[in-house]
N, C-alpha and C. Protein backbone atom coordinates (compact mmCIF):
# COMPACT_ATOMS: atom_id res chain seq x y z
N UNK A 1 11.73 44.55 -25.59
CA UNK A 1 10.60 43.66 -25.76
C UNK A 1 10.49 42.78 -24.52
N UNK A 2 9.26 42.49 -24.08
CA UNK A 2 9.00 41.72 -22.85
C UNK A 2 8.46 40.34 -23.21
N UNK A 3 9.03 39.29 -22.63
CA UNK A 3 8.54 37.92 -22.79
C UNK A 3 8.27 37.35 -21.41
N UNK A 4 7.20 36.60 -21.28
CA UNK A 4 6.98 35.86 -20.04
C UNK A 4 7.89 34.65 -20.04
N UNK A 5 8.09 34.05 -18.89
CA UNK A 5 8.93 32.86 -18.81
C UNK A 5 8.35 31.75 -19.68
N UNK A 6 7.05 31.54 -19.63
CA UNK A 6 6.41 30.50 -20.46
C UNK A 6 6.59 30.83 -21.93
N UNK A 7 6.39 32.10 -22.29
CA UNK A 7 6.58 32.51 -23.68
C UNK A 7 7.99 32.28 -24.14
N UNK A 8 8.97 32.58 -23.30
CA UNK A 8 10.37 32.37 -23.63
C UNK A 8 10.66 30.88 -23.81
N UNK A 9 10.12 30.05 -22.93
CA UNK A 9 10.33 28.61 -23.06
C UNK A 9 9.72 28.07 -24.34
N UNK A 10 8.55 28.58 -24.71
CA UNK A 10 7.91 28.16 -25.96
C UNK A 10 8.74 28.63 -27.14
N UNK A 11 9.21 29.88 -27.10
CA UNK A 11 10.04 30.43 -28.16
C UNK A 11 11.31 29.60 -28.35
N UNK A 12 11.89 29.16 -27.22
CA UNK A 12 13.11 28.34 -27.27
C UNK A 12 12.81 26.86 -27.50
N UNK A 13 11.55 26.53 -27.63
CA UNK A 13 11.07 25.16 -27.85
C UNK A 13 11.48 24.21 -26.72
N UNK A 14 11.43 24.71 -25.51
CA UNK A 14 11.68 23.89 -24.33
C UNK A 14 10.35 23.27 -23.93
N UNK A 15 10.29 21.95 -23.77
CA UNK A 15 9.01 21.34 -23.40
C UNK A 15 8.56 21.77 -22.01
N UNK A 16 7.28 22.07 -21.88
CA UNK A 16 6.70 22.43 -20.59
C UNK A 16 6.38 21.17 -19.82
N UNK A 17 6.49 21.20 -18.49
CA UNK A 17 6.15 20.00 -17.72
C UNK A 17 4.65 19.70 -17.84
N UNK A 18 4.34 18.43 -17.91
CA UNK A 18 2.94 18.02 -18.01
C UNK A 18 2.24 18.26 -16.67
N UNK A 19 1.02 18.72 -16.74
CA UNK A 19 0.23 18.89 -15.53
C UNK A 19 -0.38 17.55 -15.16
N UNK A 20 -0.45 17.29 -13.86
CA UNK A 20 -1.03 16.03 -13.40
C UNK A 20 -2.52 15.99 -13.73
N UNK A 21 -2.96 14.84 -14.16
CA UNK A 21 -4.38 14.63 -14.42
C UNK A 21 -5.10 14.55 -13.08
N UNK A 22 -6.32 15.09 -13.01
CA UNK A 22 -7.09 15.06 -11.78
C UNK A 22 -8.41 14.35 -12.02
N UNK A 23 -8.75 13.42 -11.12
CA UNK A 23 -10.03 12.72 -11.18
C UNK A 23 -10.88 13.15 -9.99
N UNK A 24 -12.12 13.51 -10.27
CA UNK A 24 -13.08 13.87 -9.23
C UNK A 24 -13.97 12.66 -8.99
N UNK A 25 -14.10 12.26 -7.73
CA UNK A 25 -14.79 11.03 -7.37
C UNK A 25 -16.01 11.36 -6.53
N UNK A 26 -17.19 10.90 -6.99
CA UNK A 26 -18.43 11.16 -6.25
C UNK A 26 -19.23 9.90 -5.95
N UNK A 27 -18.74 8.72 -6.40
CA UNK A 27 -19.44 7.47 -6.11
C UNK A 27 -18.44 6.32 -6.08
N UNK A 28 -18.90 5.15 -5.69
CA UNK A 28 -18.00 4.02 -5.49
C UNK A 28 -17.44 3.47 -6.81
N UNK A 29 -18.21 3.55 -7.88
CA UNK A 29 -17.71 3.10 -9.18
C UNK A 29 -16.53 3.98 -9.61
N UNK A 30 -16.67 5.30 -9.46
CA UNK A 30 -15.56 6.20 -9.79
C UNK A 30 -14.36 5.96 -8.88
N UNK A 31 -14.62 5.63 -7.62
CA UNK A 31 -13.54 5.30 -6.70
C UNK A 31 -12.79 4.06 -7.19
N UNK A 32 -13.50 3.06 -7.64
CA UNK A 32 -12.87 1.84 -8.15
C UNK A 32 -12.05 2.11 -9.40
N UNK A 33 -12.47 3.05 -10.21
CA UNK A 33 -11.77 3.36 -11.46
C UNK A 33 -10.40 3.99 -11.24
N UNK A 34 -10.12 4.43 -10.03
CA UNK A 34 -8.79 4.99 -9.75
C UNK A 34 -7.71 3.95 -10.04
N UNK A 35 -8.01 2.67 -9.88
CA UNK A 35 -7.01 1.62 -10.12
C UNK A 35 -6.51 1.62 -11.56
N UNK A 36 -7.25 2.26 -12.46
CA UNK A 36 -6.84 2.34 -13.86
C UNK A 36 -6.15 3.66 -14.18
N UNK A 37 -5.98 4.53 -13.18
CA UNK A 37 -5.37 5.85 -13.35
C UNK A 37 -4.48 6.15 -12.15
N UNK A 38 -3.48 5.32 -11.92
CA UNK A 38 -2.69 5.38 -10.68
C UNK A 38 -1.82 6.62 -10.55
N UNK A 39 -1.60 7.35 -11.65
CA UNK A 39 -0.80 8.57 -11.60
C UNK A 39 -1.65 9.83 -11.53
N UNK A 40 -2.96 9.70 -11.50
CA UNK A 40 -3.85 10.86 -11.47
C UNK A 40 -4.14 11.28 -10.04
N UNK A 41 -4.11 12.58 -9.79
CA UNK A 41 -4.53 13.09 -8.50
C UNK A 41 -6.03 12.87 -8.35
N UNK A 42 -6.48 12.65 -7.11
CA UNK A 42 -7.88 12.34 -6.85
C UNK A 42 -8.44 13.34 -5.85
N UNK A 43 -9.64 13.83 -6.14
CA UNK A 43 -10.37 14.69 -5.22
C UNK A 43 -11.76 14.11 -5.03
N UNK A 44 -12.09 13.78 -3.78
CA UNK A 44 -13.42 13.26 -3.45
C UNK A 44 -14.35 14.46 -3.29
N UNK A 45 -15.56 14.39 -3.88
CA UNK A 45 -16.45 15.55 -3.90
C UNK A 45 -17.68 15.41 -3.01
N UNK A 46 -17.88 14.25 -2.40
CA UNK A 46 -19.02 14.05 -1.50
C UNK A 46 -18.84 12.74 -0.74
N UNK A 47 -19.68 12.50 0.28
CA UNK A 47 -19.69 11.21 0.95
C UNK A 47 -20.05 10.13 -0.06
N UNK A 48 -19.46 8.93 0.12
CA UNK A 48 -19.67 7.84 -0.83
C UNK A 48 -20.15 6.59 -0.10
N UNK A 49 -21.26 6.04 -0.54
CA UNK A 49 -21.79 4.80 0.02
C UNK A 49 -21.33 3.65 -0.87
N UNK A 50 -20.51 2.76 -0.31
CA UNK A 50 -19.99 1.61 -1.06
C UNK A 50 -20.63 0.30 -0.60
N UNK A 51 -21.87 0.37 -0.10
CA UNK A 51 -22.56 -0.83 0.40
C UNK A 51 -22.63 -1.93 -0.64
N UNK A 52 -22.78 -1.57 -1.91
CA UNK A 52 -22.94 -2.58 -2.95
C UNK A 52 -21.66 -3.36 -3.23
N UNK A 53 -20.51 -2.91 -2.71
CA UNK A 53 -19.26 -3.63 -2.97
C UNK A 53 -19.29 -5.06 -2.44
N UNK A 54 -20.17 -5.34 -1.49
CA UNK A 54 -20.29 -6.73 -1.00
C UNK A 54 -20.73 -7.67 -2.11
N UNK A 55 -21.34 -7.14 -3.16
CA UNK A 55 -21.82 -7.96 -4.29
C UNK A 55 -20.88 -7.93 -5.49
N UNK A 56 -19.83 -7.15 -5.43
CA UNK A 56 -18.93 -7.01 -6.57
C UNK A 56 -17.99 -8.20 -6.69
N UNK A 57 -17.57 -8.48 -7.92
CA UNK A 57 -16.52 -9.48 -8.20
C UNK A 57 -16.79 -10.83 -7.55
N UNK A 58 -18.03 -11.30 -7.68
CA UNK A 58 -18.39 -12.62 -7.15
C UNK A 58 -18.26 -12.72 -5.65
N UNK A 59 -18.43 -11.61 -4.93
CA UNK A 59 -18.33 -11.60 -3.47
C UNK A 59 -16.97 -11.16 -2.96
N UNK A 60 -15.97 -11.00 -3.85
CA UNK A 60 -14.64 -10.54 -3.44
C UNK A 60 -14.64 -9.05 -3.12
N UNK A 61 -15.63 -8.33 -3.58
CA UNK A 61 -15.77 -6.91 -3.27
C UNK A 61 -14.87 -6.01 -4.07
N UNK A 62 -14.58 -4.86 -3.49
CA UNK A 62 -13.76 -3.81 -4.08
C UNK A 62 -12.38 -4.36 -4.39
N UNK A 63 -11.80 -3.96 -5.52
CA UNK A 63 -10.43 -4.35 -5.85
C UNK A 63 -9.49 -3.26 -5.36
N UNK A 64 -8.52 -3.60 -4.50
CA UNK A 64 -7.62 -2.58 -3.96
C UNK A 64 -6.97 -1.74 -5.05
N UNK A 65 -6.75 -0.47 -4.75
CA UNK A 65 -6.13 0.46 -5.69
C UNK A 65 -4.62 0.33 -5.57
N UNK A 66 -3.98 -0.18 -6.60
CA UNK A 66 -2.53 -0.33 -6.63
C UNK A 66 -2.07 -1.65 -6.05
N UNK A 67 -0.94 -2.13 -6.58
CA UNK A 67 -0.30 -3.35 -6.09
C UNK A 67 1.20 -3.21 -6.27
N UNK A 68 1.95 -4.25 -5.99
CA UNK A 68 3.41 -4.15 -6.06
C UNK A 68 3.91 -3.96 -7.49
N UNK A 69 3.13 -4.34 -8.48
CA UNK A 69 3.52 -4.14 -9.88
C UNK A 69 3.18 -2.74 -10.38
N UNK A 70 2.10 -2.17 -9.87
CA UNK A 70 1.63 -0.84 -10.30
C UNK A 70 1.03 -0.14 -9.08
N UNK A 71 1.83 0.69 -8.44
CA UNK A 71 1.40 1.31 -7.18
C UNK A 71 0.73 2.67 -7.43
N UNK A 72 -0.15 3.06 -6.49
CA UNK A 72 -0.76 4.39 -6.55
C UNK A 72 0.36 5.41 -6.37
N UNK A 73 0.43 6.43 -7.26
CA UNK A 73 1.57 7.34 -7.25
C UNK A 73 1.14 8.81 -7.40
N UNK A 74 0.06 9.20 -6.76
CA UNK A 74 -0.43 10.57 -6.89
C UNK A 74 -0.89 11.06 -5.52
N UNK A 75 -1.76 12.06 -5.49
CA UNK A 75 -2.33 12.53 -4.23
C UNK A 75 -3.80 12.16 -4.18
N UNK A 76 -4.28 11.93 -2.98
CA UNK A 76 -5.69 11.60 -2.77
C UNK A 76 -6.21 12.55 -1.71
N UNK A 77 -7.08 13.48 -2.13
CA UNK A 77 -7.65 14.47 -1.22
C UNK A 77 -9.10 14.09 -0.95
N UNK A 78 -9.37 13.63 0.26
CA UNK A 78 -10.71 13.18 0.62
C UNK A 78 -11.69 14.30 0.92
N UNK A 79 -11.23 15.55 0.98
CA UNK A 79 -12.12 16.69 1.17
C UNK A 79 -12.95 16.64 2.46
N UNK A 80 -12.47 15.90 3.45
CA UNK A 80 -13.20 15.69 4.71
C UNK A 80 -14.51 14.93 4.52
N UNK A 81 -14.58 14.14 3.46
CA UNK A 81 -15.75 13.29 3.23
C UNK A 81 -15.49 11.89 3.76
N UNK A 82 -16.54 11.05 3.73
CA UNK A 82 -16.46 9.70 4.27
C UNK A 82 -16.89 8.69 3.23
N UNK A 83 -16.18 7.56 3.20
CA UNK A 83 -16.55 6.40 2.39
C UNK A 83 -17.14 5.39 3.36
N UNK A 84 -18.38 4.99 3.12
CA UNK A 84 -19.09 4.09 4.02
C UNK A 84 -19.18 2.67 3.45
N UNK A 85 -19.12 1.68 4.34
CA UNK A 85 -19.49 0.29 4.04
C UNK A 85 -18.70 -0.34 2.90
N UNK A 86 -17.40 -0.08 2.86
CA UNK A 86 -16.54 -0.70 1.85
C UNK A 86 -16.27 -2.15 2.24
N UNK A 87 -16.52 -3.07 1.32
CA UNK A 87 -16.28 -4.50 1.56
C UNK A 87 -15.21 -5.01 0.62
N UNK A 88 -14.22 -5.70 1.20
CA UNK A 88 -13.22 -6.43 0.43
C UNK A 88 -13.06 -7.79 1.10
N UNK A 89 -13.29 -8.86 0.35
CA UNK A 89 -13.14 -10.21 0.90
C UNK A 89 -12.23 -11.00 -0.04
N UNK A 90 -10.94 -10.97 0.26
CA UNK A 90 -9.92 -11.63 -0.55
C UNK A 90 -8.94 -12.34 0.39
N UNK A 91 -9.41 -13.39 1.08
CA UNK A 91 -8.61 -14.02 2.15
C UNK A 91 -7.30 -14.65 1.69
N UNK A 92 -7.13 -14.91 0.42
CA UNK A 92 -5.86 -15.50 -0.04
C UNK A 92 -4.99 -14.48 -0.78
N UNK A 93 -5.39 -13.21 -0.77
CA UNK A 93 -4.69 -12.16 -1.51
C UNK A 93 -3.91 -11.24 -0.56
N UNK A 94 -2.62 -10.97 -0.87
CA UNK A 94 -1.88 -9.98 -0.08
C UNK A 94 -2.16 -8.57 -0.59
N UNK A 95 -1.78 -7.56 0.22
CA UNK A 95 -1.93 -6.15 -0.13
C UNK A 95 -3.40 -5.78 -0.34
N UNK A 96 -4.16 -5.87 0.73
CA UNK A 96 -5.60 -5.62 0.66
C UNK A 96 -5.97 -4.44 1.56
N UNK A 97 -6.65 -3.48 1.00
CA UNK A 97 -7.16 -2.29 1.67
C UNK A 97 -7.77 -1.41 0.59
N UNK A 98 -8.29 -0.25 0.94
CA UNK A 98 -8.75 0.66 -0.11
C UNK A 98 -7.61 0.85 -1.10
N UNK A 99 -6.40 1.13 -0.56
CA UNK A 99 -5.19 1.18 -1.37
C UNK A 99 -4.38 -0.06 -1.05
N UNK A 100 -3.94 -0.78 -2.08
CA UNK A 100 -3.14 -1.98 -1.86
C UNK A 100 -1.69 -1.67 -1.58
N UNK A 101 -1.09 -0.78 -2.39
CA UNK A 101 0.34 -0.53 -2.25
C UNK A 101 0.66 0.89 -2.72
N UNK A 102 1.46 1.57 -1.89
CA UNK A 102 1.94 2.91 -2.23
C UNK A 102 3.44 2.90 -2.05
N UNK A 103 4.17 2.97 -3.15
CA UNK A 103 5.62 2.84 -3.14
C UNK A 103 6.32 4.18 -2.86
N UNK A 104 5.79 5.30 -3.30
CA UNK A 104 6.48 6.58 -3.26
C UNK A 104 6.26 7.34 -1.96
N UNK A 105 7.34 7.93 -1.44
CA UNK A 105 7.22 8.75 -0.24
C UNK A 105 6.57 10.10 -0.52
N UNK A 106 6.38 10.46 -1.80
CA UNK A 106 5.75 11.73 -2.14
C UNK A 106 4.22 11.64 -2.19
N UNK A 107 3.67 10.45 -2.08
CA UNK A 107 2.22 10.27 -2.10
C UNK A 107 1.62 10.72 -0.77
N UNK A 108 0.52 11.49 -0.86
CA UNK A 108 -0.21 11.90 0.34
C UNK A 108 -1.67 11.52 0.22
N UNK A 109 -2.18 10.91 1.27
CA UNK A 109 -3.62 10.64 1.39
C UNK A 109 -4.10 11.53 2.51
N UNK A 110 -5.03 12.44 2.20
CA UNK A 110 -5.44 13.40 3.20
C UNK A 110 -6.96 13.48 3.34
N UNK A 111 -7.38 13.76 4.55
CA UNK A 111 -8.76 14.17 4.87
C UNK A 111 -9.83 13.21 4.37
N UNK A 112 -9.64 11.91 4.60
CA UNK A 112 -10.66 10.93 4.20
C UNK A 112 -11.01 10.06 5.40
N UNK A 113 -12.28 9.74 5.52
CA UNK A 113 -12.75 8.81 6.53
C UNK A 113 -13.30 7.57 5.86
N UNK A 114 -13.00 6.42 6.41
CA UNK A 114 -13.62 5.16 5.98
C UNK A 114 -14.37 4.64 7.20
N UNK A 115 -15.67 4.44 7.07
CA UNK A 115 -16.45 3.98 8.20
C UNK A 115 -17.18 2.69 7.86
N UNK A 116 -17.18 1.80 8.87
CA UNK A 116 -17.82 0.49 8.77
C UNK A 116 -17.25 -0.35 7.62
N UNK A 117 -15.91 -0.33 7.48
CA UNK A 117 -15.28 -1.20 6.49
C UNK A 117 -15.39 -2.65 6.95
N UNK A 118 -15.36 -3.55 6.01
CA UNK A 118 -15.30 -4.99 6.27
C UNK A 118 -14.26 -5.54 5.31
N UNK A 119 -13.01 -5.64 5.78
CA UNK A 119 -11.89 -5.96 4.90
C UNK A 119 -11.16 -7.20 5.39
N UNK A 120 -11.04 -8.17 4.50
CA UNK A 120 -10.33 -9.42 4.78
C UNK A 120 -9.32 -9.68 3.67
N UNK A 121 -8.09 -9.94 4.07
CA UNK A 121 -7.04 -10.27 3.12
C UNK A 121 -6.10 -11.29 3.74
N UNK A 122 -4.97 -11.50 3.10
CA UNK A 122 -3.98 -12.44 3.62
C UNK A 122 -2.90 -11.66 4.37
N UNK A 123 -1.80 -11.36 3.73
CA UNK A 123 -0.71 -10.61 4.34
C UNK A 123 -0.78 -9.15 3.89
N UNK A 124 -0.44 -8.25 4.80
CA UNK A 124 -0.47 -6.81 4.54
C UNK A 124 -1.90 -6.38 4.21
N UNK A 125 -2.63 -6.11 5.28
CA UNK A 125 -4.04 -5.74 5.18
C UNK A 125 -4.27 -4.51 6.06
N UNK A 126 -4.94 -3.51 5.51
CA UNK A 126 -5.25 -2.30 6.28
C UNK A 126 -6.59 -1.73 5.88
N UNK A 127 -7.23 -1.01 6.79
CA UNK A 127 -8.50 -0.39 6.47
C UNK A 127 -8.37 0.64 5.36
N UNK A 128 -7.31 1.44 5.41
CA UNK A 128 -7.07 2.45 4.39
C UNK A 128 -6.03 1.99 3.38
N UNK A 129 -4.87 1.53 3.88
CA UNK A 129 -3.76 1.13 3.00
C UNK A 129 -3.14 -0.16 3.51
N UNK A 130 -2.84 -1.07 2.59
CA UNK A 130 -2.17 -2.32 2.98
C UNK A 130 -0.69 -2.06 3.30
N UNK A 131 0.04 -1.43 2.38
CA UNK A 131 1.44 -1.08 2.63
C UNK A 131 1.72 0.27 2.00
N UNK A 132 2.41 1.15 2.76
CA UNK A 132 2.64 2.50 2.26
C UNK A 132 3.98 3.07 2.70
N UNK A 133 4.58 3.82 1.79
CA UNK A 133 5.77 4.62 2.06
C UNK A 133 5.42 6.10 2.06
N UNK A 134 4.16 6.45 1.81
CA UNK A 134 3.71 7.83 1.74
C UNK A 134 3.21 8.35 3.07
N UNK A 135 2.50 9.48 3.02
CA UNK A 135 1.97 10.12 4.22
C UNK A 135 0.45 9.99 4.27
N UNK A 136 -0.06 9.77 5.48
CA UNK A 136 -1.50 9.74 5.72
C UNK A 136 -1.79 10.86 6.71
N UNK A 137 -2.66 11.79 6.29
CA UNK A 137 -2.88 13.00 7.07
C UNK A 137 -4.37 13.19 7.32
N UNK A 138 -4.74 13.43 8.56
CA UNK A 138 -6.11 13.72 8.97
C UNK A 138 -7.13 12.75 8.36
N UNK A 139 -6.88 11.46 8.54
CA UNK A 139 -7.74 10.42 7.99
C UNK A 139 -8.05 9.39 9.07
N UNK A 140 -9.11 8.61 8.85
CA UNK A 140 -9.45 7.58 9.84
C UNK A 140 -10.17 6.41 9.18
N UNK A 141 -10.21 5.30 9.91
CA UNK A 141 -10.94 4.11 9.47
C UNK A 141 -11.61 3.47 10.68
N UNK A 142 -12.83 2.97 10.47
CA UNK A 142 -13.54 2.21 11.49
C UNK A 142 -14.10 0.95 10.85
N UNK A 143 -14.28 -0.10 11.65
CA UNK A 143 -14.87 -1.33 11.14
C UNK A 143 -14.04 -2.53 11.50
N UNK A 144 -14.08 -3.54 10.61
CA UNK A 144 -13.42 -4.81 10.85
C UNK A 144 -12.36 -5.05 9.78
N UNK A 145 -11.13 -5.35 10.23
CA UNK A 145 -10.01 -5.63 9.33
C UNK A 145 -9.36 -6.92 9.81
N UNK A 146 -9.18 -7.88 8.89
CA UNK A 146 -8.57 -9.15 9.31
C UNK A 146 -7.66 -9.71 8.22
N UNK A 147 -6.67 -10.48 8.67
CA UNK A 147 -5.71 -11.11 7.76
C UNK A 147 -4.82 -12.03 8.55
N UNK A 148 -3.67 -12.39 7.97
CA UNK A 148 -2.76 -13.27 8.69
C UNK A 148 -1.70 -12.45 9.43
N UNK A 149 -0.91 -11.64 8.73
CA UNK A 149 0.10 -10.83 9.38
C UNK A 149 0.23 -9.48 8.68
N UNK A 150 0.89 -8.53 9.37
CA UNK A 150 0.97 -7.14 8.91
C UNK A 150 -0.44 -6.59 8.70
N UNK A 151 -1.24 -6.62 9.75
CA UNK A 151 -2.64 -6.21 9.70
C UNK A 151 -2.83 -5.02 10.64
N UNK A 152 -3.43 -3.93 10.11
CA UNK A 152 -3.69 -2.76 10.94
C UNK A 152 -5.03 -2.13 10.61
N UNK A 153 -5.63 -1.49 11.59
CA UNK A 153 -6.92 -0.84 11.38
C UNK A 153 -6.86 0.25 10.33
N UNK A 154 -5.72 0.97 10.27
CA UNK A 154 -5.53 2.01 9.26
C UNK A 154 -4.58 1.53 8.18
N UNK A 155 -3.40 0.99 8.59
CA UNK A 155 -2.37 0.56 7.64
C UNK A 155 -1.76 -0.76 8.10
N UNK A 156 -1.56 -1.68 7.17
CA UNK A 156 -0.95 -2.96 7.50
C UNK A 156 0.54 -2.86 7.76
N UNK A 157 1.29 -2.32 6.80
CA UNK A 157 2.74 -2.14 6.93
C UNK A 157 3.06 -0.73 6.47
N UNK A 158 3.86 0.00 7.30
CA UNK A 158 4.00 1.43 7.06
C UNK A 158 5.42 1.91 7.23
N UNK A 159 5.88 2.75 6.28
CA UNK A 159 7.23 3.32 6.31
C UNK A 159 7.20 4.83 6.12
N UNK A 160 6.06 5.47 6.29
CA UNK A 160 5.94 6.90 6.06
C UNK A 160 5.59 7.66 7.33
N UNK A 161 4.69 8.63 7.19
CA UNK A 161 4.26 9.46 8.32
C UNK A 161 2.74 9.41 8.46
N UNK A 162 2.28 9.25 9.68
CA UNK A 162 0.85 9.33 9.98
C UNK A 162 0.66 10.57 10.85
N UNK A 163 -0.20 11.48 10.39
CA UNK A 163 -0.40 12.75 11.08
C UNK A 163 -1.90 12.93 11.36
N UNK A 164 -2.25 13.14 12.60
CA UNK A 164 -3.62 13.40 13.03
C UNK A 164 -4.61 12.40 12.41
N UNK A 165 -4.32 11.13 12.55
CA UNK A 165 -5.17 10.07 11.99
C UNK A 165 -5.42 9.02 13.04
N UNK A 166 -6.50 8.24 12.87
CA UNK A 166 -6.81 7.21 13.87
C UNK A 166 -7.62 6.08 13.24
N UNK A 167 -7.76 5.01 14.01
CA UNK A 167 -8.58 3.87 13.60
C UNK A 167 -9.27 3.29 14.83
N UNK A 168 -10.50 2.82 14.66
CA UNK A 168 -11.22 2.13 15.72
C UNK A 168 -11.94 0.94 15.10
N UNK A 169 -12.20 -0.06 15.91
CA UNK A 169 -12.90 -1.23 15.42
C UNK A 169 -12.20 -2.51 15.83
N UNK A 170 -12.43 -3.56 15.08
CA UNK A 170 -11.87 -4.86 15.37
C UNK A 170 -10.80 -5.19 14.34
N UNK A 171 -9.59 -5.49 14.84
CA UNK A 171 -8.48 -5.87 13.97
C UNK A 171 -7.98 -7.23 14.44
N UNK A 172 -7.87 -8.17 13.50
CA UNK A 172 -7.40 -9.50 13.90
C UNK A 172 -6.43 -10.07 12.87
N UNK A 173 -5.48 -10.85 13.38
CA UNK A 173 -4.52 -11.53 12.54
C UNK A 173 -4.17 -12.86 13.15
N UNK A 174 -3.77 -13.80 12.31
CA UNK A 174 -3.49 -15.14 12.80
C UNK A 174 -2.01 -15.37 13.09
N UNK A 175 -1.12 -14.48 12.64
CA UNK A 175 0.30 -14.70 12.84
C UNK A 175 0.94 -13.58 13.66
N UNK A 176 1.54 -12.61 13.05
CA UNK A 176 2.27 -11.58 13.79
C UNK A 176 2.10 -10.21 13.13
N UNK A 177 2.57 -9.17 13.83
CA UNK A 177 2.45 -7.78 13.41
C UNK A 177 1.00 -7.39 13.15
N UNK A 178 0.24 -7.33 14.22
CA UNK A 178 -1.17 -6.95 14.17
C UNK A 178 -1.36 -5.80 15.15
N UNK A 179 -1.98 -4.69 14.68
CA UNK A 179 -2.17 -3.54 15.55
C UNK A 179 -3.44 -2.77 15.23
N UNK A 180 -3.94 -2.03 16.21
CA UNK A 180 -5.16 -1.27 16.03
C UNK A 180 -5.03 -0.16 15.00
N UNK A 181 -3.89 0.54 14.99
CA UNK A 181 -3.65 1.59 14.01
C UNK A 181 -2.80 1.06 12.85
N UNK A 182 -1.64 0.49 13.19
CA UNK A 182 -0.68 -0.01 12.20
C UNK A 182 -0.23 -1.40 12.63
N UNK A 183 -0.15 -2.32 11.68
CA UNK A 183 0.36 -3.65 11.99
C UNK A 183 1.85 -3.64 12.23
N UNK A 184 2.61 -2.97 11.35
CA UNK A 184 4.06 -2.90 11.46
C UNK A 184 4.50 -1.55 10.91
N UNK A 185 5.37 -0.86 11.67
CA UNK A 185 5.92 0.41 11.19
C UNK A 185 7.41 0.42 11.44
N UNK A 186 8.18 0.78 10.43
CA UNK A 186 9.63 0.87 10.53
C UNK A 186 10.01 2.29 10.85
């Protein structure tokens, strides 16, 4: 008699590993909702205009995805699409960027462009990620990024790998560890 491996595991009542949930993102509201699904893989399906984020949250704009209490812990596949005109204005808040905090080295952000961002935070501020231990692959950010320290055009503070990625625009900080691509990298 022939059994498949899955059939054998079911017969033996061995639990099967759960498949990761996947979220498909086609607009800025869906992009913002990722913060409520930090373990779900994300696939961007088209260019996204986030111009209206300048009016969100009483002028504070987009809320960064993940923080030190609950970090983004999945994959983000940008599909070679671009997010335009993302605004975040949180000058007294640390960990500010599209992604606020990525704790795991297994997280990958790939193939996404952010253009004409306007991002202001306090400490650890980046156009794409404020602080990350994961990998950023074939991605870029353009626009204005500002904060006090650990400020970078792409990433504020970084402990992972950046592969074929870049940043252009204006990056400013009032204290230390300020850079065009990365503010601080270990």
